């Protein structure tokens, strides 16, 4: 299946079959895809929490708005996507060391320039935690798209959830003390055969190209 066909067939699942669980090897593959997701200046200002059983999911359920309970309760796995509100020297150094280990930095001058550039563009948003959270949120939505379509490529259904109390999510996971905030939650699993949002029941609808595209 090519990517366009994937886009045409993937939809937001409303009801999951609670009897069907995602294999650990498939979850691991999705998580490896998101690890490889791009971010501005390769800053990777994110952290992901994964819940794959009822006990783990219960730790964050209180932040979910009640209309999303059917999705949250019956899906197989949940990924909580968090972005940094503070990017400190420790994080900059960790990214730089990993790049060096992976062979991306050919000499000390390249290493110095890479570090300087990343710090400059990241610190454009360092005046406040609110600004940094907004910037990290943009990066996190790249990660979100990666999760949704990595899952779809494996026949796994998904729901991007913004219907939650973000302050409560931060509180439940102790995110403030970690310099993080919750941007989005993803439910993963396998659709119920009677899912109300099946494309056969409710065809996908998007604006026409001429409504959203302009050739310069």
N, C-alpha and C. Protein backbone atom coordinates (compact mmCIF):
# COMPACT_ATOMS: atom_id res chain seq x y z
N UNK A 1 0.85 -1.20 0.00
CA UNK A 1 0.00 0.00 0.00
C UNK A 1 0.89 1.25 0.00
N UNK A 2 0.70 2.13 -1.01
CA UNK A 2 1.51 3.34 -1.01
C UNK A 2 0.92 4.36 -0.04
N UNK A 3 1.65 5.47 0.16
CA UNK A 3 1.26 6.40 1.21
C UNK A 3 -0.07 7.08 0.92
N UNK A 4 -0.34 7.39 -0.34
CA UNK A 4 -1.62 8.02 -0.68
C UNK A 4 -2.78 7.09 -0.33
N UNK A 5 -2.65 5.82 -0.65
CA UNK A 5 -3.71 4.86 -0.33
C UNK A 5 -3.89 4.76 1.19
N UNK A 6 -2.78 4.83 1.91
CA UNK A 6 -2.83 4.80 3.36
C UNK A 6 -3.62 6.00 3.88
N UNK A 7 -3.36 7.17 3.31
CA UNK A 7 -4.07 8.39 3.69
C UNK A 7 -5.57 8.28 3.40
N UNK A 8 -5.88 7.65 2.28
CA UNK A 8 -7.28 7.51 1.88
C UNK A 8 -8.05 6.55 2.78
N UNK A 9 -7.38 5.54 3.29
CA UNK A 9 -8.07 4.50 4.05
C UNK A 9 -8.05 4.71 5.56
N UNK A 10 -7.05 5.43 6.07
CA UNK A 10 -6.96 5.63 7.50
C UNK A 10 -8.06 6.60 7.97
N UNK A 11 -8.66 6.32 9.11
CA UNK A 11 -9.68 7.22 9.67
C UNK A 11 -9.57 7.18 11.19
N UNK A 12 -10.24 8.11 11.85
CA UNK A 12 -10.23 8.17 13.31
C UNK A 12 -11.20 7.15 13.88
N UNK A 13 -10.67 6.19 14.60
CA UNK A 13 -11.50 5.14 15.18
C UNK A 13 -12.25 5.66 16.39
N UNK A 14 -13.54 5.38 16.44
CA UNK A 14 -14.38 5.82 17.56
C UNK A 14 -14.62 4.70 18.57
N UNK A 15 -14.68 3.46 18.08
CA UNK A 15 -14.95 2.33 18.96
C UNK A 15 -13.97 1.19 18.67
N UNK A 16 -13.36 0.69 19.72
CA UNK A 16 -12.36 -0.37 19.60
C UNK A 16 -12.90 -1.71 20.08
N UNK A 17 -12.32 -2.77 19.54
CA UNK A 17 -12.60 -4.13 20.00
C UNK A 17 -11.65 -4.42 21.15
N UNK A 18 -12.17 -4.42 22.37
CA UNK A 18 -11.32 -4.57 23.56
C UNK A 18 -10.67 -5.95 23.66
N UNK A 19 -11.16 -6.92 22.89
CA UNK A 19 -10.59 -8.27 22.96
C UNK A 19 -9.31 -8.41 22.13
N UNK A 20 -9.03 -7.42 21.31
CA UNK A 20 -7.87 -7.50 20.42
C UNK A 20 -6.74 -6.62 20.95
N UNK A 21 -5.58 -7.22 21.18
CA UNK A 21 -4.43 -6.51 21.71
C UNK A 21 -3.31 -6.44 20.67
N UNK A 22 -2.60 -5.34 20.68
CA UNK A 22 -1.47 -5.17 19.77
C UNK A 22 -0.27 -5.96 20.30
N UNK A 23 0.37 -6.69 19.41
CA UNK A 23 1.56 -7.45 19.79
C UNK A 23 2.67 -6.50 20.22
N UNK A 24 3.46 -6.92 21.19
CA UNK A 24 4.55 -6.07 21.69
C UNK A 24 5.52 -5.70 20.57
N UNK A 25 5.79 -6.63 19.67
CA UNK A 25 6.72 -6.35 18.58
C UNK A 25 6.19 -5.24 17.68
N UNK A 26 4.87 -5.15 17.55
CA UNK A 26 4.29 -4.10 16.72
C UNK A 26 4.33 -2.74 17.43
N UNK A 27 4.08 -2.75 18.73
CA UNK A 27 4.22 -1.51 19.50
C UNK A 27 5.66 -1.02 19.44
N UNK A 28 6.60 -1.95 19.58
CA UNK A 28 8.02 -1.59 19.52
C UNK A 28 8.37 -0.95 18.18
N UNK A 29 7.77 -1.45 17.11
CA UNK A 29 8.04 -0.90 15.78
C UNK A 29 7.48 0.51 15.66
N UNK A 30 6.28 0.74 16.17
CA UNK A 30 5.69 2.09 16.16
C UNK A 30 6.57 3.05 16.95
N UNK A 31 7.04 2.61 18.11
CA UNK A 31 7.87 3.46 18.95
C UNK A 31 9.22 3.74 18.30
N UNK A 32 9.74 2.78 17.55
CA UNK A 32 10.99 3.03 16.83
C UNK A 32 10.76 4.05 15.72
N UNK A 33 9.60 3.99 15.08
CA UNK A 33 9.26 4.99 14.06
C UNK A 33 9.21 6.39 14.66
N UNK A 34 8.59 6.51 15.83
CA UNK A 34 8.49 7.84 16.44
C UNK A 34 9.84 8.30 16.96
N UNK A 35 10.69 7.39 17.37
CA UNK A 35 12.05 7.77 17.76
C UNK A 35 12.79 8.40 16.60
N UNK A 36 12.49 7.95 15.39
CA UNK A 36 13.15 8.44 14.19
C UNK A 36 12.47 9.66 13.58
N UNK A 37 11.39 10.13 14.19
CA UNK A 37 10.65 11.26 13.64
C UNK A 37 11.51 12.52 13.60
N UNK A 38 11.30 13.37 12.59
CA UNK A 38 12.06 14.61 12.51
C UNK A 38 11.57 15.66 13.49
N UNK A 39 12.46 16.57 13.83
CA UNK A 39 12.10 17.73 14.66
C UNK A 39 13.01 18.88 14.28
N UNK A 40 12.58 20.09 14.56
CA UNK A 40 13.37 21.28 14.22
C UNK A 40 14.75 21.19 14.86
N UNK A 41 15.77 21.45 14.07
CA UNK A 41 17.19 21.37 14.46
C UNK A 41 17.51 20.08 15.22
N UNK A 42 16.75 19.05 14.95
CA UNK A 42 16.93 17.74 15.60
C UNK A 42 16.95 17.85 17.12
N UNK A 43 16.17 18.79 17.64
CA UNK A 43 16.18 19.02 19.09
C UNK A 43 15.49 17.90 19.87
N UNK A 44 14.49 17.27 19.24
CA UNK A 44 13.75 16.17 19.88
C UNK A 44 13.24 16.57 21.28
N UNK A 45 12.46 17.67 21.35
CA UNK A 45 12.03 18.19 22.65
C UNK A 45 10.78 17.50 23.18
N UNK A 46 10.84 16.19 23.29
CA UNK A 46 9.64 15.42 23.61
C UNK A 46 9.94 14.25 24.54
N UNK A 47 8.88 13.70 25.07
CA UNK A 47 8.95 12.46 25.85
C UNK A 47 7.60 11.76 25.70
N UNK A 48 7.63 10.44 25.65
CA UNK A 48 6.42 9.66 25.40
C UNK A 48 6.18 8.67 26.55
N UNK A 49 4.95 8.65 27.03
CA UNK A 49 4.56 7.67 28.05
C UNK A 49 3.65 6.64 27.39
N UNK A 50 3.93 5.37 27.62
CA UNK A 50 3.18 4.29 26.97
C UNK A 50 2.45 3.46 28.02
N UNK A 51 1.16 3.26 27.80
CA UNK A 51 0.35 2.42 28.69
C UNK A 51 -0.25 1.29 27.86
N UNK A 52 0.06 0.05 28.26
CA UNK A 52 -0.39 -1.09 27.47
C UNK A 52 -1.26 -2.08 28.22
N UNK A 53 -1.72 -1.69 29.41
CA UNK A 53 -2.64 -2.56 30.15
C UNK A 53 -3.55 -1.69 31.01
N UNK A 54 -4.54 -2.31 31.61
CA UNK A 54 -5.54 -1.53 32.35
C UNK A 54 -4.93 -0.79 33.54
N UNK A 55 -3.99 -1.43 34.21
CA UNK A 55 -3.37 -0.79 35.37
C UNK A 55 -2.61 0.47 34.96
N UNK A 56 -1.90 0.39 33.85
CA UNK A 56 -1.14 1.54 33.36
C UNK A 56 -2.07 2.64 32.87
N UNK A 57 -3.10 2.25 32.13
CA UNK A 57 -4.05 3.24 31.60
C UNK A 57 -4.78 3.96 32.73
N UNK A 58 -5.03 3.25 33.82
CA UNK A 58 -5.76 3.84 34.95
C UNK A 58 -5.01 5.02 35.56
N UNK A 59 -3.71 5.05 35.38
CA UNK A 59 -2.89 6.13 35.96
C UNK A 59 -3.20 7.48 35.32
N UNK A 60 -3.73 7.48 34.12
CA UNK A 60 -4.02 8.75 33.44
C UNK A 60 -5.49 8.91 33.07
N UNK A 61 -6.32 7.94 33.41
CA UNK A 61 -7.72 7.98 32.98
C UNK A 61 -8.45 9.22 33.49
N UNK A 62 -8.10 9.70 34.67
CA UNK A 62 -8.83 10.82 35.27
C UNK A 62 -8.69 12.12 34.48
N UNK A 63 -7.74 12.18 33.56
CA UNK A 63 -7.61 13.40 32.75
C UNK A 63 -8.46 13.34 31.48
N UNK A 64 -8.98 12.17 31.16
CA UNK A 64 -9.76 11.99 29.93
C UNK A 64 -11.18 12.51 30.12
N UNK A 65 -11.66 13.31 29.18
CA UNK A 65 -13.04 13.78 29.24
C UNK A 65 -13.98 12.61 28.96
N UNK A 66 -15.12 12.60 29.63
CA UNK A 66 -15.97 11.40 29.65
C UNK A 66 -16.41 10.92 28.28
N UNK A 67 -16.57 11.83 27.32
CA UNK A 67 -17.04 11.38 26.00
C UNK A 67 -15.97 10.56 25.27
N UNK A 68 -14.74 10.61 25.76
CA UNK A 68 -13.67 9.81 25.16
C UNK A 68 -13.41 8.50 25.90
N UNK A 69 -14.17 8.24 26.95
CA UNK A 69 -13.98 6.99 27.70
C UNK A 69 -14.10 5.74 26.82
N UNK A 70 -15.09 5.66 25.91
CA UNK A 70 -15.20 4.44 25.10
C UNK A 70 -13.93 4.14 24.31
N UNK A 71 -13.29 5.16 23.78
CA UNK A 71 -12.06 4.97 23.03
C UNK A 71 -10.91 4.57 23.96
N UNK A 72 -10.77 5.35 25.02
CA UNK A 72 -9.67 5.14 25.96
C UNK A 72 -9.77 3.77 26.64
N UNK A 73 -10.95 3.42 27.09
CA UNK A 73 -11.11 2.19 27.87
C UNK A 73 -10.93 0.92 27.04
N UNK A 74 -11.33 0.96 25.77
CA UNK A 74 -11.34 -0.26 24.97
C UNK A 74 -10.16 -0.42 24.03
N UNK A 75 -9.36 0.62 23.87
CA UNK A 75 -8.20 0.49 22.99
C UNK A 75 -7.14 -0.40 23.65
N UNK A 76 -6.19 -0.84 22.87
CA UNK A 76 -5.14 -1.73 23.37
C UNK A 76 -4.04 -0.96 24.10
N UNK A 77 -3.58 0.12 23.50
CA UNK A 77 -2.47 0.89 24.04
C UNK A 77 -2.76 2.39 23.95
N UNK A 78 -2.12 3.13 24.82
CA UNK A 78 -2.21 4.59 24.82
C UNK A 78 -0.80 5.16 24.83
N UNK A 79 -0.57 6.16 24.01
CA UNK A 79 0.70 6.89 24.04
C UNK A 79 0.41 8.34 24.40
N UNK A 80 1.04 8.82 25.45
CA UNK A 80 0.89 10.21 25.88
C UNK A 80 2.09 10.98 25.32
N UNK A 81 1.81 11.99 24.50
CA UNK A 81 2.87 12.76 23.84
C UNK A 81 3.10 14.05 24.62
N UNK A 82 4.30 14.19 25.15
CA UNK A 82 4.64 15.34 25.98
C UNK A 82 5.77 16.13 25.35
N UNK A 83 5.71 17.45 25.50
CA UNK A 83 6.76 18.31 24.98
C UNK A 83 7.45 19.05 26.11
N UNK A 84 8.67 19.44 25.87
CA UNK A 84 9.43 20.16 26.89
C UNK A 84 8.95 21.60 27.04
N UNK A 85 8.93 22.06 28.27
CA UNK A 85 8.69 23.48 28.55
C UNK A 85 10.00 24.18 28.84
N UNK A 86 11.03 23.39 29.07
CA UNK A 86 12.39 23.90 29.28
C UNK A 86 13.35 22.95 28.57
N UNK A 87 14.24 23.52 27.75
CA UNK A 87 15.30 22.72 27.13
C UNK A 87 16.61 23.17 27.77
N UNK A 88 17.19 22.33 28.60
CA UNK A 88 18.37 22.73 29.37
C UNK A 88 19.66 22.21 28.74
N UNK A 89 20.79 22.60 29.36
CA UNK A 89 22.10 22.21 28.84
C UNK A 89 22.25 20.70 28.78
N UNK A 90 21.68 20.01 29.75
CA UNK A 90 21.79 18.55 29.78
C UNK A 90 21.17 17.94 28.53
N UNK A 91 20.03 18.47 28.10
CA UNK A 91 19.38 17.92 26.90
C UNK A 91 20.19 18.26 25.65
N UNK A 92 20.64 19.51 25.53
CA UNK A 92 21.47 19.87 24.38
C UNK A 92 22.68 18.95 24.27
N UNK A 93 23.32 18.70 25.40
CA UNK A 93 24.53 17.87 25.41
C UNK A 93 24.20 16.42 25.05
N UNK A 94 23.08 15.92 25.54
CA UNK A 94 22.68 14.54 25.25
C UNK A 94 22.46 14.34 23.75
N UNK A 95 21.79 15.30 23.12
CA UNK A 95 21.54 15.20 21.67
C UNK A 95 22.85 15.28 20.91
N UNK A 96 23.74 16.18 21.32
CA UNK A 96 25.02 16.36 20.63
C UNK A 96 25.89 15.11 20.75
N UNK A 97 25.96 14.54 21.93
CA UNK A 97 26.75 13.32 22.14
C UNK A 97 26.22 12.18 21.28
N UNK A 98 24.88 12.05 21.21
CA UNK A 98 24.29 10.98 20.40
C UNK A 98 24.60 11.19 18.92
N UNK A 99 24.54 12.43 18.45
CA UNK A 99 24.88 12.70 17.06
C UNK A 99 26.33 12.32 16.77
N UNK A 100 27.20 12.61 17.71
CA UNK A 100 28.62 12.27 17.54
C UNK A 100 28.79 10.75 17.51
N UNK A 101 28.12 10.05 18.40
CA UNK A 101 28.19 8.59 18.44
C UNK A 101 27.68 7.97 17.15
N UNK A 102 26.67 8.61 16.56
CA UNK A 102 26.06 8.08 15.34
C UNK A 102 26.81 8.49 14.07
N UNK A 103 27.90 9.24 14.23
CA UNK A 103 28.74 9.59 13.09
C UNK A 103 28.30 10.79 12.29
N UNK A 104 27.43 11.63 12.86
CA UNK A 104 26.94 12.79 12.11
C UNK A 104 27.89 13.98 12.16
N UNK A 105 28.79 14.00 13.11
CA UNK A 105 29.67 15.15 13.31
C UNK A 105 31.09 14.76 12.91
N UNK A 106 31.54 15.27 11.76
CA UNK A 106 32.78 14.80 11.17
C UNK A 106 34.04 15.34 11.84
N UNK A 107 33.95 16.50 12.48
CA UNK A 107 35.12 17.07 13.15
C UNK A 107 34.65 18.06 14.21
N UNK A 108 35.56 18.53 15.07
CA UNK A 108 35.19 19.43 16.17
C UNK A 108 34.49 20.71 15.73
N UNK A 109 34.87 21.24 14.57
CA UNK A 109 34.24 22.48 14.11
C UNK A 109 32.78 22.25 13.72
N UNK A 110 32.52 21.13 13.08
CA UNK A 110 31.13 20.78 12.73
C UNK A 110 30.31 20.58 14.00
N UNK A 111 30.91 19.92 14.98
CA UNK A 111 30.23 19.69 16.26
C UNK A 111 29.89 21.01 16.93
N UNK A 112 30.84 21.92 16.95
CA UNK A 112 30.63 23.23 17.58
C UNK A 112 29.54 24.01 16.87
N UNK A 113 29.57 23.99 15.54
CA UNK A 113 28.57 24.72 14.75
C UNK A 113 27.17 24.12 14.95
N UNK A 114 27.10 22.80 15.00
CA UNK A 114 25.81 22.13 15.19
C UNK A 114 25.20 22.51 16.53
N UNK A 115 26.02 22.48 17.57
CA UNK A 115 25.54 22.81 18.91
C UNK A 115 25.09 24.27 18.98
N UNK A 116 25.88 25.15 18.40
CA UNK A 116 25.55 26.58 18.42
C UNK A 116 24.25 26.86 17.69
N UNK A 117 24.08 26.24 16.52
CA UNK A 117 22.87 26.45 15.72
C UNK A 117 21.63 25.94 16.45
N UNK A 118 21.73 24.73 17.02
CA UNK A 118 20.57 24.16 17.71
C UNK A 118 20.17 25.02 18.92
N UNK A 119 21.15 25.46 19.68
CA UNK A 119 20.87 26.29 20.84
C UNK A 119 20.25 27.62 20.42
N UNK A 120 20.75 28.20 19.34
CA UNK A 120 20.23 29.48 18.89
C UNK A 120 18.75 29.38 18.52
N UNK A 121 18.41 28.44 17.66
CA UNK A 121 17.03 28.34 17.18
C UNK A 121 16.07 27.86 18.27
N UNK A 122 16.54 26.98 19.13
CA UNK A 122 15.69 26.53 20.24
C UNK A 122 15.46 27.65 21.24
N UNK A 123 16.51 28.39 21.55
CA UNK A 123 16.41 29.45 22.56
C UNK A 123 15.66 30.68 22.08
N UNK A 124 15.29 30.71 20.82
CA UNK A 124 14.37 31.76 20.36
C UNK A 124 13.03 31.65 21.07
N UNK A 125 12.77 30.48 21.65
CA UNK A 125 11.49 30.22 22.32
C UNK A 125 11.66 30.04 23.83
N UNK A 126 12.80 30.47 24.34
CA UNK A 126 13.12 30.20 25.75
C UNK A 126 12.74 31.34 26.70
N UNK A 127 12.07 32.37 26.18
CA UNK A 127 11.71 33.50 27.04
C UNK A 127 10.70 33.11 28.11
N UNK A 128 9.87 32.12 27.79
CA UNK A 128 8.87 31.67 28.75
C UNK A 128 8.57 30.20 28.52
N UNK A 129 8.10 29.53 29.57
CA UNK A 129 7.71 28.13 29.43
C UNK A 129 6.54 27.99 28.46
N UNK A 130 5.68 29.00 28.42
CA UNK A 130 4.53 28.96 27.51
C UNK A 130 4.99 28.97 26.06
N UNK A 131 5.97 29.82 25.76
CA UNK A 131 6.49 29.89 24.39
C UNK A 131 7.19 28.59 24.02
N UNK A 132 8.00 28.08 24.93
CA UNK A 132 8.71 26.83 24.64
C UNK A 132 7.73 25.67 24.47
N UNK A 133 6.68 25.66 25.29
CA UNK A 133 5.67 24.60 25.17
C UNK A 133 4.97 24.67 23.81
N UNK A 134 4.70 25.90 23.34
CA UNK A 134 4.06 26.05 22.04
C UNK A 134 4.97 25.53 20.93
N UNK A 135 6.26 25.83 21.04
CA UNK A 135 7.22 25.37 20.04
C UNK A 135 7.39 23.85 20.09
N UNK A 136 7.53 23.31 21.30
CA UNK A 136 7.69 21.86 21.42
C UNK A 136 6.43 21.14 20.95
N UNK A 137 5.27 21.81 21.12
CA UNK A 137 4.02 21.22 20.65
C UNK A 137 4.01 21.03 19.14
N UNK A 138 4.62 21.97 18.42
CA UNK A 138 4.70 21.83 16.96
C UNK A 138 5.51 20.59 16.60
N UNK A 139 6.58 20.37 17.33
CA UNK A 139 7.40 19.19 17.07
C UNK A 139 6.64 17.91 17.44
N UNK A 140 5.89 17.98 18.53
CA UNK A 140 5.15 16.81 18.99
C UNK A 140 4.07 16.39 18.00
N UNK A 141 3.54 17.34 17.25
CA UNK A 141 2.51 16.97 16.27
C UNK A 141 3.12 16.30 15.04
N UNK A 142 4.41 16.54 14.80
CA UNK A 142 5.10 15.73 13.80
C UNK A 142 5.19 14.29 14.29
N UNK A 143 5.52 14.15 15.57
CA UNK A 143 5.58 12.81 16.18
C UNK A 143 4.21 12.14 16.16
N UNK A 144 3.16 12.92 16.42
CA UNK A 144 1.80 12.39 16.39
C UNK A 144 1.47 11.80 15.02
N UNK A 145 1.75 12.57 13.97
CA UNK A 145 1.47 12.08 12.61
C UNK A 145 2.26 10.81 12.32
N UNK A 146 3.50 10.77 12.81
CA UNK A 146 4.32 9.59 12.62
C UNK A 146 3.67 8.37 13.25
N UNK A 147 3.18 8.53 14.47
CA UNK A 147 2.52 7.42 15.17
C UNK A 147 1.28 6.96 14.41
N UNK A 148 0.44 7.91 14.00
CA UNK A 148 -0.82 7.56 13.33
C UNK A 148 -0.59 6.75 12.06
N UNK A 149 0.39 7.18 11.26
CA UNK A 149 0.57 6.52 9.97
C UNK A 149 1.51 5.33 10.04
N UNK A 150 2.39 5.30 11.02
CA UNK A 150 3.15 4.06 11.26
C UNK A 150 2.18 2.96 11.66
N UNK A 151 1.25 3.29 12.56
CA UNK A 151 0.25 2.32 12.98
C UNK A 151 -0.62 1.87 11.81
N UNK A 152 -1.09 2.83 11.02
CA UNK A 152 -1.95 2.51 9.89
C UNK A 152 -1.25 1.58 8.90
N UNK A 153 0.05 1.78 8.71
CA UNK A 153 0.79 0.94 7.77
C UNK A 153 0.87 -0.51 8.23
N UNK A 154 0.59 -0.72 9.52
CA UNK A 154 0.63 -2.06 10.10
C UNK A 154 -0.76 -2.62 10.35
N UNK A 155 -1.79 -1.91 9.87
CA UNK A 155 -3.16 -2.37 10.07
C UNK A 155 -3.68 -2.10 11.46
N UNK A 156 -3.05 -1.16 12.16
CA UNK A 156 -3.46 -0.81 13.52
C UNK A 156 -4.21 0.51 13.48
N UNK A 157 -5.34 0.56 14.16
CA UNK A 157 -6.19 1.74 14.15
C UNK A 157 -5.79 2.71 15.27
N UNK A 158 -6.24 3.96 15.13
CA UNK A 158 -5.79 4.97 16.08
C UNK A 158 -6.80 6.10 16.22
N UNK A 159 -6.64 6.81 17.33
CA UNK A 159 -7.43 8.01 17.61
C UNK A 159 -6.53 9.03 18.27
N UNK A 160 -6.39 10.19 17.65
CA UNK A 160 -5.67 11.30 18.28
C UNK A 160 -6.64 12.01 19.21
N UNK A 161 -6.32 12.08 20.49
CA UNK A 161 -7.24 12.60 21.49
C UNK A 161 -6.74 13.94 22.03
N UNK A 162 -7.54 14.99 21.80
CA UNK A 162 -7.30 16.27 22.46
C UNK A 162 -8.37 16.54 23.52
N UNK A 163 -9.35 15.65 23.59
CA UNK A 163 -10.41 15.79 24.58
C UNK A 163 -9.97 15.27 25.93
N UNK A 164 -9.06 16.01 26.55
CA UNK A 164 -8.59 15.67 27.89
C UNK A 164 -8.20 16.96 28.61
N UNK A 165 -8.11 16.88 29.92
CA UNK A 165 -7.72 18.02 30.75
C UNK A 165 -6.19 18.03 30.84
N UNK A 166 -5.57 18.96 30.12
CA UNK A 166 -4.11 18.95 30.04
C UNK A 166 -3.45 19.24 31.39
N UNK A 167 -4.06 20.12 32.17
CA UNK A 167 -3.50 20.40 33.50
C UNK A 167 -3.55 19.17 34.39
N UNK A 168 -4.65 18.42 34.27
CA UNK A 168 -4.80 17.19 35.05
C UNK A 168 -3.79 16.15 34.59
N UNK A 169 -3.59 16.06 33.28
CA UNK A 169 -2.61 15.11 32.74
C UNK A 169 -1.21 15.42 33.27
N UNK A 170 -0.87 16.71 33.26
CA UNK A 170 0.44 17.12 33.77
C UNK A 170 0.58 16.76 35.25
N UNK A 171 -0.50 16.94 35.98
CA UNK A 171 -0.49 16.64 37.42
C UNK A 171 -0.34 15.14 37.67
N UNK A 172 -1.10 14.34 36.94
CA UNK A 172 -1.08 12.88 37.15
C UNK A 172 0.29 12.27 36.86
N UNK A 173 0.99 12.83 35.89
CA UNK A 173 2.29 12.29 35.50
C UNK A 173 3.46 13.07 36.10
N UNK A 174 3.14 14.08 36.90
CA UNK A 174 4.20 14.88 37.52
C UNK A 174 5.08 15.58 36.50
N UNK A 175 4.45 16.09 35.44
CA UNK A 175 5.22 16.61 34.31
C UNK A 175 5.88 17.95 34.59
N UNK A 176 5.24 18.80 35.38
CA UNK A 176 5.80 20.14 35.61
C UNK A 176 7.21 20.06 36.18
N UNK A 177 7.41 19.17 37.13
CA UNK A 177 8.73 19.03 37.75
C UNK A 177 9.76 18.44 36.78
N UNK A 178 9.28 17.85 35.70
CA UNK A 178 10.17 17.26 34.70
C UNK A 178 10.39 18.20 33.52
N UNK A 179 9.80 19.41 33.59
CA UNK A 179 9.94 20.36 32.49
C UNK A 179 9.20 19.92 31.25
N UNK A 180 8.04 19.26 31.45
CA UNK A 180 7.24 18.74 30.35
C UNK A 180 5.79 19.18 30.49
N UNK A 181 5.06 19.09 29.38
CA UNK A 181 3.61 19.27 29.41
C UNK A 181 2.99 18.34 28.38
N UNK A 182 1.78 17.88 28.64
CA UNK A 182 1.10 16.94 27.74
C UNK A 182 0.43 17.69 26.60
N UNK A 183 0.75 17.28 25.37
CA UNK A 183 0.18 17.93 24.18
C UNK A 183 -0.95 17.11 23.56
N UNK A 184 -0.83 15.80 23.57
CA UNK A 184 -1.83 14.97 22.90
C UNK A 184 -1.73 13.54 23.44
N UNK A 185 -2.82 12.82 23.30
CA UNK A 185 -2.86 11.41 23.69
C UNK A 185 -3.34 10.60 22.49
N UNK A 186 -2.70 9.48 22.24
CA UNK A 186 -3.08 8.63 21.11
C UNK A 186 -3.57 7.28 21.61
N UNK A 187 -4.75 6.89 21.17
CA UNK A 187 -5.27 5.55 21.43
C UNK A 187 -4.93 4.67 20.24
N UNK A 188 -4.49 3.45 20.50
CA UNK A 188 -4.14 2.50 19.45
C UNK A 188 -4.82 1.17 19.72
N UNK A 189 -5.23 0.50 18.67
CA UNK A 189 -5.86 -0.80 18.83
C UNK A 189 -6.47 -1.26 17.52
N UNK A 190 -7.54 -2.02 17.63
CA UNK A 190 -8.23 -2.55 16.46
C UNK A 190 -9.71 -2.19 16.53
N UNK A 191 -10.20 -1.62 15.46
CA UNK A 191 -11.59 -1.12 15.41
C UNK A 191 -12.61 -2.21 15.72
N UNK A 192 -13.69 -1.80 16.34
CA UNK A 192 -14.84 -2.68 16.48
C UNK A 192 -15.51 -2.82 15.12
N UNK A 193 -16.04 -3.98 14.83
CA UNK A 193 -16.64 -4.21 13.51
C UNK A 193 -17.83 -3.29 13.25
N UNK A 194 -18.43 -2.78 14.31
CA UNK A 194 -19.56 -1.86 14.17
C UNK A 194 -19.17 -0.41 14.45
N UNK A 195 -17.89 -0.10 14.35
CA UNK A 195 -17.43 1.27 14.59
C UNK A 195 -18.26 2.26 13.77
N UNK A 196 -18.76 3.27 14.44
CA UNK A 196 -19.66 4.23 13.79
C UNK A 196 -18.95 5.12 12.77
N UNK A 197 -17.62 5.15 12.81
CA UNK A 197 -16.88 6.05 11.92
C UNK A 197 -16.22 5.32 10.75
N UNK A 198 -16.56 4.07 10.55
CA UNK A 198 -16.02 3.32 9.41
C UNK A 198 -16.22 4.10 8.12
N UNK A 199 -15.21 4.10 7.27
CA UNK A 199 -15.30 4.85 6.02
C UNK A 199 -16.45 4.38 5.15
N UNK A 200 -16.79 3.09 5.22
CA UNK A 200 -17.93 2.59 4.46
C UNK A 200 -19.24 3.22 4.93
N UNK A 201 -19.29 3.60 6.21
CA UNK A 201 -20.48 4.24 6.75
C UNK A 201 -20.41 5.76 6.61
N UNK A 202 -19.24 6.30 6.86
CA UNK A 202 -19.05 7.75 6.83
C UNK A 202 -17.80 8.05 6.00
N UNK A 203 -17.96 8.24 4.70
CA UNK A 203 -16.80 8.48 3.84
C UNK A 203 -15.96 9.66 4.32
N UNK A 204 -14.66 9.55 4.09
CA UNK A 204 -13.75 10.63 4.46
C UNK A 204 -14.11 11.89 3.69
N UNK A 205 -14.04 13.03 4.37
CA UNK A 205 -14.37 14.31 3.74
C UNK A 205 -13.27 15.33 4.01
N UNK A 206 -12.73 15.90 2.94
CA UNK A 206 -11.73 16.96 3.03
C UNK A 206 -12.05 18.03 1.99
N UNK A 207 -11.62 19.24 2.24
CA UNK A 207 -11.80 20.31 1.26
C UNK A 207 -11.09 19.96 -0.04
N UNK A 208 -11.57 20.53 -1.14
CA UNK A 208 -10.94 20.32 -2.44
C UNK A 208 -9.59 21.03 -2.51
N UNK A 209 -8.74 20.57 -3.42
CA UNK A 209 -7.40 21.15 -3.55
C UNK A 209 -7.44 22.65 -3.78
N UNK A 210 -8.38 23.08 -4.63
CA UNK A 210 -8.42 24.52 -4.95
C UNK A 210 -8.79 25.37 -3.74
N UNK A 211 -9.36 24.75 -2.72
CA UNK A 211 -9.72 25.49 -1.51
C UNK A 211 -8.54 25.67 -0.56
N UNK A 212 -7.51 24.87 -0.73
CA UNK A 212 -6.41 24.92 0.24
C UNK A 212 -5.03 25.14 -0.39
N UNK A 213 -4.94 25.06 -1.72
CA UNK A 213 -3.64 25.16 -2.38
C UNK A 213 -3.57 26.37 -3.30
N UNK A 214 -2.43 27.03 -3.28
CA UNK A 214 -2.16 28.14 -4.19
C UNK A 214 -0.77 27.95 -4.78
N UNK A 215 -0.67 27.91 -6.08
CA UNK A 215 0.63 27.83 -6.74
C UNK A 215 1.23 29.22 -6.87
N UNK A 216 2.43 29.39 -6.42
CA UNK A 216 3.10 30.69 -6.48
C UNK A 216 3.86 30.85 -7.79
